[in-house]
Amino acid sequence: MIQTARTPSIVIDAAIAEYGARRVLMRSLRVLFLRRKIPTPKGDALPNHLRRDIGLPPVAPPMTGWDYLR
């Protein structure tokens, strides 16, 4: 079965028919103005194989309980 792409006006009309014009308008304005900030990854949070791919040195493994006593 071949699916055809629906035009945006058909999708909006279907959303308005299901949820109402006010809810669709308020939600679309909320999405438009309150965009989420995508957190930027920090170099320390990357695993060693990704750090190696971008040219960063590997991070030493975290110290365990006995390593503190040495």
N, C-alpha and C. Protein backbone atom coordinates (compact mmCIF):
# COMPACT_ATOMS: atom_id res chain seq x y z
N MET A 1 0.84 -1.17 0.00
CA MET A 1 0.00 0.00 0.00
C MET A 1 0.89 1.24 0.00
N ILE A 2 0.59 2.18 -0.84
CA ILE A 2 1.35 3.42 -0.95
C ILE A 2 0.65 4.49 -0.14
N GLN A 3 1.44 5.14 0.74
CA GLN A 3 0.88 6.24 1.52
C GLN A 3 1.19 7.55 0.81
N THR A 4 0.21 8.40 0.78
CA THR A 4 0.44 9.72 0.21
C THR A 4 0.61 10.71 1.33
N ALA A 5 1.46 11.70 1.12
CA ALA A 5 1.71 12.71 2.14
C ALA A 5 0.51 13.65 2.22
N ARG A 6 0.08 13.88 3.44
CA ARG A 6 -1.04 14.79 3.61
C ARG A 6 -0.52 16.21 3.68
N THR A 7 -1.24 17.13 3.13
CA THR A 7 -0.82 18.53 3.15
C THR A 7 -1.02 19.08 4.56
N PRO A 8 -0.26 20.11 4.94
CA PRO A 8 -0.39 20.67 6.29
C PRO A 8 -1.81 21.16 6.61
N SER A 9 -2.51 21.69 5.61
CA SER A 9 -3.86 22.19 5.90
C SER A 9 -4.81 21.05 6.28
N ILE A 10 -4.64 19.88 5.70
CA ILE A 10 -5.48 18.74 6.05
C ILE A 10 -5.16 18.29 7.48
N VAL A 11 -3.88 18.28 7.85
CA VAL A 11 -3.48 17.88 9.19
C VAL A 11 -4.01 18.87 10.22
N ILE A 12 -3.90 20.16 9.93
CA ILE A 12 -4.39 21.19 10.86
C ILE A 12 -5.90 21.10 10.98
N ASP A 13 -6.60 20.90 9.87
CA ASP A 13 -8.06 20.78 9.92
C ASP A 13 -8.48 19.57 10.75
N ALA A 14 -7.73 18.47 10.63
CA ALA A 14 -8.05 17.28 11.42
C ALA A 14 -7.80 17.53 12.91
N ALA A 15 -6.72 18.25 13.24
CA ALA A 15 -6.44 18.57 14.64
C ALA A 15 -7.50 19.49 15.21
N ILE A 16 -7.92 20.48 14.44
CA ILE A 16 -8.97 21.39 14.90
C ILE A 16 -10.28 20.64 15.08
N ALA A 17 -10.59 19.73 14.19
CA ALA A 17 -11.83 18.96 14.32
C ALA A 17 -11.80 18.07 15.55
N GLU A 18 -10.62 17.55 15.90
CA GLU A 18 -10.53 16.64 17.05
C GLU A 18 -10.42 17.38 18.38
N TYR A 19 -9.61 18.44 18.43
CA TYR A 19 -9.31 19.09 19.71
C TYR A 19 -9.93 20.47 19.87
N GLY A 20 -10.35 21.10 18.80
CA GLY A 20 -10.91 22.43 18.88
C GLY A 20 -9.88 23.49 18.48
N ALA A 21 -10.38 24.61 17.96
CA ALA A 21 -9.50 25.64 17.42
C ALA A 21 -8.65 26.29 18.51
N ARG A 22 -9.23 26.52 19.68
CA ARG A 22 -8.50 27.21 20.74
C ARG A 22 -7.33 26.36 21.24
N ARG A 23 -7.56 25.08 21.46
CA ARG A 23 -6.49 24.20 21.94
C ARG A 23 -5.36 24.08 20.92
N VAL A 24 -5.71 23.97 19.65
CA VAL A 24 -4.69 23.86 18.60
C VAL A 24 -3.90 25.16 18.51
N LEU A 25 -4.57 26.30 18.60
CA LEU A 25 -3.89 27.59 18.54
C LEU A 25 -2.97 27.78 19.73
N MET A 26 -3.45 27.50 20.93
CA MET A 26 -2.63 27.69 22.13
C MET A 26 -1.42 26.76 22.12
N ARG A 27 -1.61 25.54 21.71
CA ARG A 27 -0.50 24.60 21.67
C ARG A 27 0.54 24.99 20.62
N SER A 28 0.08 25.45 19.47
CA SER A 28 1.02 25.85 18.44
C SER A 28 1.78 27.11 18.85
N LEU A 29 1.13 28.04 19.54
CA LEU A 29 1.84 29.22 20.04
C LEU A 29 2.84 28.84 21.12
N ARG A 30 2.47 27.91 21.97
CA ARG A 30 3.38 27.46 23.02
C ARG A 30 4.63 26.81 22.42
N VAL A 31 4.44 25.96 21.44
CA VAL A 31 5.57 25.31 20.79
C VAL A 31 6.43 26.34 20.06
N LEU A 32 5.79 27.34 19.48
CA LEU A 32 6.52 28.36 18.73
C LEU A 32 7.40 29.22 19.63
N PHE A 33 6.88 29.64 20.77
CA PHE A 33 7.59 30.59 21.62
C PHE A 33 8.38 29.95 22.75
N LEU A 34 8.01 28.77 23.20
CA LEU A 34 8.71 28.15 24.32
C LEU A 34 9.50 26.94 23.84
N ARG A 35 10.48 27.20 23.03
CA ARG A 35 11.32 26.10 22.54
C ARG A 35 12.23 25.63 23.65
N ARG A 36 12.44 24.34 23.71
CA ARG A 36 13.33 23.77 24.71
C ARG A 36 14.77 24.02 24.30
N LYS A 37 15.60 24.29 25.28
CA LYS A 37 17.01 24.44 25.01
C LYS A 37 17.65 23.05 24.99
N ILE A 38 18.38 22.79 23.96
CA ILE A 38 19.07 21.52 23.85
C ILE A 38 20.38 21.65 24.60
N PRO A 39 20.61 20.81 25.59
CA PRO A 39 21.85 20.95 26.36
C PRO A 39 23.06 20.61 25.49
N THR A 40 24.09 21.42 25.64
CA THR A 40 25.32 21.16 24.90
C THR A 40 26.14 20.12 25.65
N PRO A 41 26.64 19.13 24.96
CA PRO A 41 27.42 18.11 25.66
C PRO A 41 28.76 18.66 26.10
N LYS A 42 29.16 18.32 27.28
CA LYS A 42 30.45 18.73 27.79
C LYS A 42 31.47 17.64 27.45
N GLY A 43 32.71 18.02 27.30
CA GLY A 43 33.74 17.07 26.93
C GLY A 43 33.95 15.99 27.97
N ASP A 44 33.72 16.31 29.25
CA ASP A 44 33.92 15.32 30.31
C ASP A 44 32.83 14.25 30.31
N ALA A 45 31.67 14.56 29.75
CA ALA A 45 30.56 13.63 29.78
C ALA A 45 30.63 12.62 28.64
N LEU A 46 31.52 12.82 27.68
CA LEU A 46 31.61 11.91 26.54
C LEU A 46 32.40 10.65 26.92
N PRO A 47 32.00 9.50 26.40
CA PRO A 47 32.79 8.29 26.63
C PRO A 47 34.12 8.38 25.87
N ASN A 48 35.07 7.56 26.26
CA ASN A 48 36.42 7.63 25.69
C ASN A 48 36.45 7.38 24.19
N HIS A 49 35.60 6.49 23.68
CA HIS A 49 35.66 6.23 22.23
C HIS A 49 35.18 7.43 21.42
N LEU A 50 34.24 8.21 21.94
CA LEU A 50 33.83 9.42 21.24
C LEU A 50 34.86 10.53 21.40
N ARG A 51 35.48 10.61 22.59
CA ARG A 51 36.53 11.59 22.80
C ARG A 51 37.69 11.33 21.84
N ARG A 52 38.04 10.07 21.63
CA ARG A 52 39.12 9.71 20.72
C ARG A 52 38.76 10.10 19.29
N ASP A 53 37.49 9.95 18.89
CA ASP A 53 37.07 10.28 17.53
C ASP A 53 37.23 11.76 17.21
N ILE A 54 37.05 12.63 18.22
CA ILE A 54 37.16 14.07 17.96
C ILE A 54 38.49 14.65 18.39
N GLY A 55 39.42 13.80 18.80
CA GLY A 55 40.77 14.25 19.09
C GLY A 55 41.03 14.66 20.52
N LEU A 56 40.16 14.30 21.46
CA LEU A 56 40.39 14.61 22.87
C LEU A 56 41.11 13.45 23.55
N PRO A 57 41.90 13.73 24.58
CA PRO A 57 42.56 12.63 25.29
C PRO A 57 41.54 11.85 26.13
N PRO A 58 41.80 10.56 26.39
CA PRO A 58 40.86 9.78 27.20
C PRO A 58 40.85 10.24 28.65
N VAL A 59 39.74 10.01 29.29
CA VAL A 59 39.58 10.35 30.70
C VAL A 59 39.95 9.12 31.52
N ALA A 60 40.66 9.34 32.62
CA ALA A 60 41.02 8.23 33.49
C ALA A 60 39.75 7.67 34.14
N PRO A 61 39.70 6.35 34.39
CA PRO A 61 38.52 5.78 35.04
C PRO A 61 38.39 6.33 36.46
N PRO A 62 37.17 6.39 36.97
CA PRO A 62 36.99 6.93 38.32
C PRO A 62 37.67 6.05 39.37
N MET A 63 38.11 6.69 40.42
CA MET A 63 38.80 5.96 41.48
C MET A 63 37.80 5.17 42.32
N THR A 64 38.20 3.96 42.68
CA THR A 64 37.35 3.14 43.53
C THR A 64 37.78 3.33 44.99
N GLY A 65 37.16 2.64 45.89
CA GLY A 65 37.43 2.82 47.31
C GLY A 65 38.86 2.54 47.71
N TRP A 66 39.50 1.48 47.15
CA TRP A 66 40.86 1.15 47.52
C TRP A 66 41.88 2.10 46.91
N ASP A 67 41.54 2.72 45.80
CA ASP A 67 42.48 3.63 45.16
C ASP A 67 42.72 4.89 46.00
N TYR A 68 41.77 5.26 46.82
CA TYR A 68 41.93 6.44 47.67
C TYR A 68 42.98 6.18 48.76
N LEU A 69 43.20 4.92 49.14
CA LEU A 69 44.12 4.60 50.20
C LEU A 69 45.57 4.48 49.73
N ARG A 70 45.79 4.47 48.45
CA ARG A 70 47.16 4.34 47.93
C ARG A 70 47.87 5.65 47.94
